[in-house]
Protein backbone atom coordinates (compact mmCIF):
# COMPACT_ATOMS: atom_id res chain seq x y z
CA MET A 1 121.24 100.75 101.45
CA LYS A 2 119.92 98.16 99.02
CA VAL A 3 116.92 95.94 99.71
CA LYS A 4 117.35 92.35 98.60
CA SER A 5 114.82 89.76 97.45
CA ILE A 6 111.59 91.13 98.84
CA PHE A 7 108.36 91.27 96.91
CA MET A 8 106.85 94.52 95.82
CA GLY A 9 105.90 95.70 99.29
CA SER A 10 102.59 97.31 98.87
CA ALA A 11 101.43 95.13 96.01
CA LEU A 12 101.61 92.30 98.46
CA MET A 13 100.77 94.94 100.93
CA MET A 14 98.10 93.51 102.92
CA GLY A 15 97.29 89.98 102.02
CA LEU A 16 94.61 90.95 99.60
CA VAL A 17 92.08 88.22 98.94
CA PHE A 18 91.65 87.73 95.21
CA SER A 19 88.63 86.44 93.37
CA GLY A 20 87.85 87.43 89.86
CA CYS A 21 86.86 86.74 86.31
CA THR A 22 87.81 87.92 82.87
CA ASP A 23 86.38 91.01 81.22
CA ASP A 24 84.34 88.84 78.81
CA ASP A 25 82.72 86.90 81.64
CA ASP A 26 79.00 87.65 82.00
CA ASN A 27 79.36 87.07 85.74
CA CYS A 28 81.76 89.99 86.19
CA THR A 29 81.06 91.87 89.42
CA PRO A 30 79.71 95.33 88.58
CA ASP A 31 81.54 98.43 89.82
CA TYR A 32 80.46 99.83 93.17
CA THR A 33 78.06 102.76 92.84
CA GLY A 34 75.78 104.86 95.01
CA PRO A 35 76.20 107.29 97.86
CA LEU A 36 78.82 106.68 100.53
CA THR A 37 77.86 105.63 104.04
CA ALA A 38 78.98 107.75 107.00
CA SER A 39 81.82 105.32 107.74
CA GLU A 40 82.94 105.40 104.09
CA THR A 41 83.20 109.20 104.05
CA LEU A 42 85.94 108.89 106.69
CA LEU A 43 88.10 107.14 104.08
CA VAL A 44 87.72 109.78 101.36
CA GLY A 45 91.11 111.32 100.63
CA GLN A 46 94.71 110.26 100.19
CA TRP A 47 96.40 107.72 102.47
CA THR A 48 100.15 107.07 102.37
CA LEU A 49 102.15 104.10 103.61
CA SER A 50 103.73 105.17 106.90
CA ALA A 51 104.82 101.95 108.63
CA ILE A 52 105.35 98.23 108.14
CA ASN A 53 106.05 96.19 111.25
CA SER A 54 106.91 92.50 111.53
CA ASP A 55 106.27 90.06 114.34
CA LYS A 56 109.80 88.70 113.77
CA ALA A 57 113.03 90.56 113.14
CA VAL A 58 114.39 90.09 109.59
CA ASP A 59 117.29 91.69 107.74
CA LEU A 60 116.28 92.80 104.25
CA THR A 61 119.13 95.23 103.60
CA ASP A 62 122.24 94.16 101.73
CA ASP A 63 124.49 96.57 103.64
CA GLU A 64 127.05 94.01 104.87
CA VAL A 65 125.86 94.48 108.46
CA ALA A 66 123.73 91.92 110.32
CA ASN A 67 120.93 94.19 111.47
CA PRO A 68 117.61 92.33 111.61
CA SER A 69 114.70 94.49 112.64
CA THR A 70 110.95 94.34 113.08
CA ASN A 71 110.75 97.77 111.42
CA ILE A 72 110.35 96.68 107.79
CA TYR A 73 109.49 100.19 106.59
CA ALA A 74 112.95 101.43 107.64
CA GLN A 75 114.50 98.72 105.45
CA TYR A 76 112.47 99.62 102.36
CA THR A 77 113.78 101.72 99.51
CA ASP A 78 112.24 105.12 98.81
CA CYS A 79 110.43 103.59 95.81
CA GLN A 80 108.88 100.87 97.96
CA LYS A 81 107.85 103.40 100.62
CA ASP A 82 106.18 105.54 97.95
CA ALA A 83 102.73 103.91 98.20
CA ARG A 84 99.36 105.58 98.49
CA TYR A 85 95.63 105.04 98.19
CA ASP A 86 93.33 107.79 96.98
CA PHE A 87 89.64 107.19 97.77
CA SER A 88 87.14 109.46 96.01
CA GLU A 89 83.58 110.41 96.96
CA ASN A 90 82.37 108.95 93.65
CA ARG A 91 83.64 105.49 94.75
CA ASN A 92 86.66 105.56 92.45
CA TYR A 93 90.07 104.71 93.91
CA ASP A 94 93.68 104.74 92.78
CA PHE A 95 96.56 102.83 94.30
CA ALA A 96 100.08 103.82 93.27
CA GLN A 97 103.53 102.68 94.30
CA GLY A 98 106.76 104.19 93.04
CA ALA A 99 104.81 106.80 91.10
CA VAL A 100 106.09 109.95 92.85
CA VAL A 101 109.70 109.13 93.72
CA PRO A 102 111.88 109.63 90.62
CA ASN A 103 113.58 106.71 88.83
CA CYS A 104 111.52 103.88 90.31
CA ASP A 105 111.76 100.79 88.11
CA ASN A 106 108.69 98.92 89.33
CA LYS A 107 105.87 101.44 89.23
CA LEU A 108 102.48 100.03 90.12
CA ILE A 109 99.24 101.89 89.48
CA THR A 110 95.79 100.36 89.80
CA ASN A 111 92.34 101.89 89.91
CA GLY A 112 88.70 100.93 90.09
CA THR A 113 85.84 101.33 92.53
CA TRP A 114 85.63 100.72 96.28
CA GLN A 115 83.31 100.21 99.22
CA TYR A 116 83.87 99.85 102.97
CA GLN A 117 81.78 97.66 105.21
CA ASN A 118 82.34 95.31 108.14
CA ASN A 119 85.92 96.56 108.70
CA GLN A 120 86.91 95.68 105.16
CA ILE A 121 87.61 97.67 102.00
CA ASP A 122 86.46 95.88 98.87
CA PHE A 123 87.95 96.93 95.56
CA ILE A 124 86.84 96.14 92.02
CA SER A 125 89.48 96.61 89.34
CA SER A 126 89.27 95.10 85.83
CA CYS A 127 86.58 92.70 87.00
CA VAL A 128 88.70 91.43 89.88
CA VAL A 129 87.40 91.77 93.44
CA LEU A 130 90.01 92.46 96.14
CA SER A 131 89.17 92.51 99.84
CA LEU A 132 91.33 94.21 102.44
CA PRO A 133 90.44 93.77 106.12
CA ILE A 134 91.44 96.93 108.00
CA THR A 135 91.31 98.54 111.41
CA ILE A 136 90.82 102.31 111.45
CA THR A 137 92.92 103.89 114.21
CA ASN A 138 94.11 107.20 115.66
CA ALA A 139 90.85 109.14 115.49
CA ASN A 140 90.27 108.05 111.87
CA THR A 141 93.65 109.33 110.64
CA SER A 142 95.24 105.95 109.94
CA PHE A 143 94.31 102.40 109.08
CA GLN A 144 96.21 99.19 109.38
CA SER A 145 95.96 95.79 107.80
CA VAL A 146 97.63 92.59 108.88
CA SER A 147 99.14 90.03 106.48
CA GLU A 148 99.78 86.68 108.09
CA ASN A 149 101.91 83.75 106.98
CA LEU A 150 104.10 85.74 104.61
CA LEU A 151 107.24 83.98 103.44
CA VAL A 152 110.12 86.45 103.54
CA LYS A 153 113.63 85.75 102.31
CA ASP A 154 116.22 87.70 104.28
CA VAL A 155 119.58 88.93 103.06
CA THR A 156 121.25 85.59 103.94
CA GLY A 157 118.72 83.61 101.88
CA SER A 158 116.89 82.26 104.93
CA VAL A 159 113.10 82.08 104.52
CA THR A 160 110.96 83.00 107.52
CA THR A 161 107.19 82.96 108.01
CA VAL A 162 106.11 86.33 109.38
CA THR A 163 103.11 88.52 110.07
CA TRP A 164 103.37 92.10 108.85
CA THR A 165 101.21 95.04 109.84
CA PHE A 166 100.91 97.74 107.19
CA VAL A 167 99.90 101.24 108.33
CA TYR A 168 98.54 103.97 106.06
CA THR A 169 98.15 107.53 107.32
CA LYS A 170 95.67 110.04 105.94
CA ILE A 171 97.10 113.19 104.38
CA LEU A 172 95.12 115.94 106.03
CA PRO A 173 94.32 119.15 104.12
CA GLN A 174 96.65 122.07 104.81
CA ALA A 175 95.07 124.72 107.00
């Protein structure tokens, strides 16, 4: 199964809001520091992409079968599914996509510092501030973020405006 003409899934992943400056800018937002709040400690650990659902069925697979689905994750390649956040107690974070699955062409790795407040994770990476509204679910073992008004080109070339919900699940320590 081959996925056609879809943006790097998790890079787009959740409609991140960008605002930033250059590294030489004196107004660069400083990295997040300080102790974590109780709600932030719930996020410490590794979170992997486990689902992407669409409000409209689209066919992203070039498999010569018309099979539109709202389950976008099932239509992703292994490299696109290979996405994870790692939140540390010292406020550092890493985001990686295509870094574990072998032979991925479009590896993406970013890092910086993070904070969580008002149902939103804020990231600072290379003097760029990214904000990700989330909802923590399933007894604090998953979070989801909604990206609205995404333009998606399906396998036939038709462009559709959709809303996608991205779900990340926490990897729990082995007992």
